[in-house]
Amino acid sequence: MHNHPSGDPTPSSADIDMTRQVVDAGRSLRIAVHDHLIVGRDGVASLKALGLF
């Protein structure tokens, strides 16, 4: 979970790439990543709910 100081919780391409890398690394260690949340003034974005990993 992290915040976007701009207030827009829309995931950036860097957010998506980093999340996929963390998910892949965790998989090899048998660690499940349940979600990646981005908090902004305008709400919260769930990468899992958006189908981005």
PDB file of N, CA and C in Angstrom:
ATOM      1  N   MET A   1       0.850  -1.159   0.000  1.00  0.00           N
ATOM      2  CA  MET A   1       0.000   0.000   0.000  1.00  0.00           C
ATOM      3  C   MET A   1       0.902   1.231   0.000  1.00  0.00           C
ATOM      4  N   HIS A   2       0.492   2.226  -0.775  1.00  0.00           N
ATOM      5  CA  HIS A   2       1.190   3.504  -0.743  1.00  0.00           C
ATOM      6  C   HIS A   2       0.235   4.600  -1.170  1.00  0.00           C
ATOM      7  N   ASN A   3       0.682   5.839  -1.065  1.00  0.00           N
ATOM      8  CA  ASN A   3      -0.187   6.944  -1.435  1.00  0.00           C
ATOM      9  C   ASN A   3       0.352   7.671  -2.656  1.00  0.00           C
ATOM     10  N   HIS A   4      -0.540   8.373  -3.308  1.00  0.00           N
ATOM     11  CA  HIS A   4      -0.178   9.277  -4.402  1.00  0.00           C
ATOM     12  C   HIS A   4      -0.479  10.693  -3.913  1.00  0.00           C
ATOM     13  N   PRO A   5       0.544  11.480  -3.626  1.00  0.00           N
ATOM     14  CA  PRO A   5       0.335  12.840  -3.123  1.00  0.00           C
ATOM     15  C   PRO A   5      -0.484  13.721  -4.073  1.00  0.00           C
ATOM     16  N   SER A   6      -0.526  13.354  -5.352  1.00  0.00           N
ATOM     17  CA  SER A   6      -1.313  14.139  -6.307  1.00  0.00           C
ATOM     18  C   SER A   6      -2.808  14.052  -6.008  1.00  0.00           C
ATOM     19  N   GLY A   7      -3.199  13.009  -5.245  1.00  0.00           N
ATOM     20  CA  GLY A   7      -4.615  12.825  -4.932  1.00  0.00           C
ATOM     21  C   GLY A   7      -5.302  11.841  -5.847  1.00  0.00           C
ATOM     22  N   ASP A   8      -4.711  11.527  -6.985  1.00  0.00           N
ATOM     23  CA  ASP A   8      -5.290  10.590  -7.956  1.00  0.00           C
ATOM     24  C   ASP A   8      -4.749   9.198  -7.673  1.00  0.00           C
ATOM     25  N   PRO A   9      -5.617   8.253  -7.271  1.00  0.00           N
ATOM     26  CA  PRO A   9      -5.142   6.914  -6.934  1.00  0.00           C
ATOM     27  C   PRO A   9      -4.923   5.995  -8.136  1.00  0.00           C
ATOM     28  N   THR A  10      -5.052   6.501  -9.334  1.00  0.00           N
ATOM     29  CA  THR A  10      -4.869   5.668 -10.526  1.00  0.00           C
ATOM     30  C   THR A  10      -3.453   5.095 -10.566  1.00  0.00           C
ATOM     31  N   PRO A  11      -3.318   3.759 -10.716  1.00  0.00           N
ATOM     32  CA  PRO A  11      -1.987   3.156 -10.745  1.00  0.00           C
ATOM     33  C   PRO A  11      -1.180   3.610 -11.962  1.00  0.00           C
ATOM     34  N   SER A  12       0.075   3.917 -11.732  1.00  0.00           N
ATOM     35  CA  SER A  12       0.974   4.266 -12.834  1.00  0.00           C
ATOM     36  C   SER A  12       1.544   2.982 -13.428  1.00  0.00           C
ATOM     37  N   SER A  13       2.184   3.079 -14.562  1.00  0.00           N
ATOM     38  CA  SER A  13       2.803   1.896 -15.161  1.00  0.00           C
ATOM     39  C   SER A  13       3.911   1.368 -14.249  1.00  0.00           C
ATOM     40  N   ALA A  14       4.603   2.262 -13.533  1.00  0.00           N
ATOM     41  CA  ALA A  14       5.632   1.835 -12.586  1.00  0.00           C
ATOM     42  C   ALA A  14       5.007   1.065 -11.415  1.00  0.00           C
ATOM     43  N   ASP A  15       3.843   1.510 -10.945  1.00  0.00           N
ATOM     44  CA  ASP A  15       3.129   0.794  -9.875  1.00  0.00           C
ATOM     45  C   ASP A  15       2.779  -0.625 -10.323  1.00  0.00           C
ATOM     46  N   ILE A  16       2.279  -0.750 -11.529  1.00  0.00           N
ATOM     47  CA  ILE A  16       1.863  -2.050 -12.063  1.00  0.00           C
ATOM     48  C   ILE A  16       3.073  -2.961 -12.244  1.00  0.00           C
ATOM     49  N   ASP A  17       4.144  -2.440 -12.839  1.00  0.00           N
ATOM     50  CA  ASP A  17       5.355  -3.242 -13.062  1.00  0.00           C
ATOM     51  C   ASP A  17       5.956  -3.721 -11.742  1.00  0.00           C
ATOM     52  N   MET A  18       6.080  -2.822 -10.776  1.00  0.00           N
ATOM     53  CA  MET A  18       6.650  -3.171  -9.484  1.00  0.00           C
ATOM     54  C   MET A  18       5.788  -4.216  -8.779  1.00  0.00           C
ATOM     55  N   THR A  19       4.475  -4.073  -8.855  1.00  0.00           N
ATOM     56  CA  THR A  19       3.576  -5.036  -8.214  1.00  0.00           C
ATOM     57  C   THR A  19       3.749  -6.415  -8.829  1.00  0.00           C
ATOM     58  N   ARG A  20       3.827  -6.474 -10.134  1.00  0.00           N
ATOM     59  CA  ARG A  20       4.022  -7.772 -10.794  1.00  0.00           C
ATOM     60  C   ARG A  20       5.356  -8.398 -10.404  1.00  0.00           C
ATOM     61  N   GLN A  21       6.385  -7.589 -10.256  1.00  0.00           N
ATOM     62  CA  GLN A  21       7.687  -8.105  -9.833  1.00  0.00           C
ATOM     63  C   GLN A  21       7.634  -8.647  -8.406  1.00  0.00           C
ATOM     64  N   VAL A  22       6.942  -7.944  -7.523  1.00  0.00           N
ATOM     65  CA  VAL A  22       6.806  -8.401  -6.140  1.00  0.00           C
ATOM     66  C   VAL A  22       5.994  -9.691  -6.084  1.00  0.00           C
ATOM     67  N   VAL A  23       4.917  -9.770  -6.858  1.00  0.00           N
ATOM     68  CA  VAL A  23       4.089 -10.977  -6.903  1.00  0.00           C
ATOM     69  C   VAL A  23       4.919 -12.158  -7.398  1.00  0.00           C
ATOM     70  N   ASP A  24       5.682 -11.964  -8.461  1.00  0.00           N
ATOM     71  CA  ASP A  24       6.531 -13.034  -9.002  1.00  0.00           C
ATOM     72  C   ASP A  24       7.597 -13.476  -7.990  1.00  0.00           C
ATOM     73  N   ALA A  25       8.237 -12.522  -7.327  1.00  0.00           N
ATOM     74  CA  ALA A  25       9.255 -12.858  -6.331  1.00  0.00           C
ATOM     75  C   ALA A  25       8.625 -13.603  -5.155  1.00  0.00           C
ATOM     76  N   GLY A  26       7.478 -13.145  -4.702  1.00  0.00           N
ATOM     77  CA  GLY A  26       6.798 -13.803  -3.604  1.00  0.00           C
ATOM     78  C   GLY A  26       6.383 -15.221  -3.949  1.00  0.00           C
ATOM     79  N   ARG A  27       5.945 -15.410  -5.178  1.00  0.00           N
ATOM     80  CA  ARG A  27       5.512 -16.737  -5.613  1.00  0.00           C
ATOM     81  C   ARG A  27       6.640 -17.765  -5.449  1.00  0.00           C
ATOM     82  N   SER A  28       7.856 -17.388  -5.812  1.00  0.00           N
ATOM     83  CA  SER A  28       8.978 -18.328  -5.704  1.00  0.00           C
ATOM     84  C   SER A  28       9.316 -18.647  -4.255  1.00  0.00           C
ATOM     85  N   LEU A  29       8.901 -17.767  -3.329  1.00  0.00           N
ATOM     86  CA  LEU A  29       9.131 -17.987  -1.896  1.00  0.00           C
ATOM     87  C   LEU A  29       7.871 -18.489  -1.186  1.00  0.00           C
ATOM     88  N   ARG A  30       6.846 -18.759  -1.957  1.00  0.00           N
ATOM     89  CA  ARG A  30       5.539 -19.198  -1.433  1.00  0.00           C
ATOM     90  C   ARG A  30       4.908 -18.149  -0.523  1.00  0.00           C
ATOM     91  N   ILE A  31       5.082 -16.888  -0.899  1.00  0.00           N
ATOM     92  CA  ILE A  31       4.470 -15.765  -0.184  1.00  0.00           C
ATOM     93  C   ILE A  31       3.407 -15.173  -1.103  1.00  0.00           C
ATOM     94  N   ALA A  32       2.178 -15.140  -0.628  1.00  0.00           N
ATOM     95  CA  ALA A  32       1.075 -14.611  -1.431  1.00  0.00           C
ATOM     96  C   ALA A  32       0.953 -13.099  -1.240  1.00  0.00           C
ATOM     97  N   VAL A  33       0.795 -12.405  -2.337  1.00  0.00           N
ATOM     98  CA  VAL A  33       0.480 -10.981  -2.297  1.00  0.00           C
ATOM     99  C   VAL A  33      -1.019 -10.879  -2.559  1.00  0.00           C
ATOM    100  N   HIS A  34      -1.756 -10.366  -1.600  1.00  0.00           N
ATOM    101  CA  HIS A  34      -3.207 -10.341  -1.717  1.00  0.00           C
ATOM    102  C   HIS A  34      -3.720  -9.126  -2.486  1.00  0.00           C
ATOM    103  N   ASP A  35      -3.016  -8.027  -2.413  1.00  0.00           N
ATOM    104  CA  ASP A  35      -3.456  -6.829  -3.123  1.00  0.00           C
ATOM    105  C   ASP A  35      -2.373  -5.764  -3.021  1.00  0.00           C
ATOM    106  N   HIS A  36      -2.516  -4.729  -3.805  1.00  0.00           N
ATOM    107  CA  HIS A  36      -1.686  -3.523  -3.726  1.00  0.00           C
ATOM    108  C   HIS A  36      -2.667  -2.372  -3.814  1.00  0.00           C
ATOM    109  N   LEU A  37      -2.747  -1.599  -2.749  1.00  0.00           N
ATOM    110  CA  LEU A  37      -3.686  -0.484  -2.682  1.00  0.00           C
ATOM    111  C   LEU A  37      -2.942   0.830  -2.854  1.00  0.00           C
ATOM    112  N   ILE A  38      -3.564   1.731  -3.589  1.00  0.00           N
ATOM    113  CA  ILE A  38      -3.021   3.079  -3.748  1.00  0.00           C
ATOM    114  C   ILE A  38      -4.061   4.048  -3.207  1.00  0.00           C
ATOM    115  N   VAL A  39      -3.640   4.870  -2.265  1.00  0.00           N
ATOM    116  CA  VAL A  39      -4.536   5.804  -1.596  1.00  0.00           C
ATOM    117  C   VAL A  39      -4.281   7.200  -2.139  1.00  0.00           C
ATOM    118  N   GLY A  40      -5.354   7.884  -2.460  1.00  0.00           N
ATOM    119  CA  GLY A  40      -5.270   9.270  -2.903  1.00  0.00           C
ATOM    120  C   GLY A  40      -6.415  10.057  -2.310  1.00  0.00           C
ATOM    121  N   ARG A  41      -6.362  11.334  -2.454  1.00  0.00           N
ATOM    122  CA  ARG A  41      -7.432  12.197  -1.942  1.00  0.00           C
ATOM    123  C   ARG A  41      -8.768  11.825  -2.562  1.00  0.00           C
ATOM    124  N   ASP A  42      -8.738  11.331  -3.805  1.00  0.00           N
ATOM    125  CA  ASP A  42      -9.961  11.016  -4.539  1.00  0.00           C
ATOM    126  C   ASP A  42     -10.422   9.577  -4.359  1.00  0.00           C
ATOM    127  N   GLY A  43      -9.825   8.835  -3.406  1.00  0.00           N
ATOM    128  CA  GLY A  43     -10.256   7.463  -3.170  1.00  0.00           C
ATOM    129  C   GLY A  43      -9.095   6.489  -3.089  1.00  0.00           C
ATOM    130  N   VAL A  44      -9.438   5.220  -3.251  1.00  0.00           N
ATOM    131  CA  VAL A  44      -8.467   4.130  -3.157  1.00  0.00           C
ATOM    132  C   VAL A  44      -8.596   3.259  -4.401  1.00  0.00           C
ATOM    133  N   ALA A  45      -7.464   2.835  -4.951  1.00  0.00           N
ATOM    134  CA  ALA A  45      -7.453   1.913  -6.088  1.00  0.00           C
ATOM    135  C   ALA A  45      -6.856   0.579  -5.641  1.00  0.00           C
ATOM    136  N   SER A  46      -7.506  -0.503  -5.998  1.00  0.00           N
ATOM    137  CA  SER A  46      -7.020  -1.851  -5.723  1.00  0.00           C
ATOM    138  C   SER A  46      -6.531  -2.443  -7.038  1.00  0.00           C
ATOM    139  N   LEU A  47      -5.240  -2.759  -7.111  1.00  0.00           N
ATOM    140  CA  LEU A  47      -4.722  -3.343  -8.341  1.00  0.00           C
ATOM    141  C   LEU A  47      -5.349  -4.706  -8.614  1.00  0.00           C
ATOM    142  N   LYS A  48      -5.670  -5.442  -7.558  1.00  0.00           N
ATOM    143  CA  LYS A  48      -6.315  -6.747  -7.744  1.00  0.00           C
ATOM    144  C   LYS A  48      -7.714  -6.562  -8.333  1.00  0.00           C
ATOM    145  N   ALA A  49      -8.493  -5.634  -7.766  1.00  0.00           N
ATOM    146  CA  ALA A  49      -9.841  -5.391  -8.261  1.00  0.00           C
ATOM    147  C   ALA A  49      -9.828  -4.881  -9.708  1.00  0.00           C
ATOM    148  N   LEU A  50      -8.760  -4.178 -10.073  1.00  0.00           N
ATOM    149  CA  LEU A  50      -8.629  -3.677 -11.440  1.00  0.00           C
ATOM    150  C   LEU A  50      -8.097  -4.737 -12.404  1.00  0.00           C
ATOM    151  N   GLY A  51      -7.764  -5.916 -11.859  1.00  0.00           N
ATOM    152  CA  GLY A  51      -7.258  -7.013 -12.701  1.00  0.00           C
ATOM    153  C   GLY A  51      -5.853  -6.787 -13.211  1.00  0.00           C
ATOM    154  N   LEU A  52      -5.048  -6.036 -12.466  1.00  0.00           N
ATOM    155  CA  LEU A  52      -3.708  -5.674 -12.937  1.00  0.00           C
ATOM    156  C   LEU A  52      -2.615  -6.611 -12.454  1.00  0.00           C
ATOM    157  N   PHE A  53      -2.992  -7.652 -11.693  1.00  0.00           N
ATOM    158  CA  PHE A  53      -2.034  -8.720 -11.357  1.00  0.00           C
ATOM    159  C   PHE A  53      -2.775  -9.963 -11.010  1.00  0.00           C
TER     160      PHE A  53
END
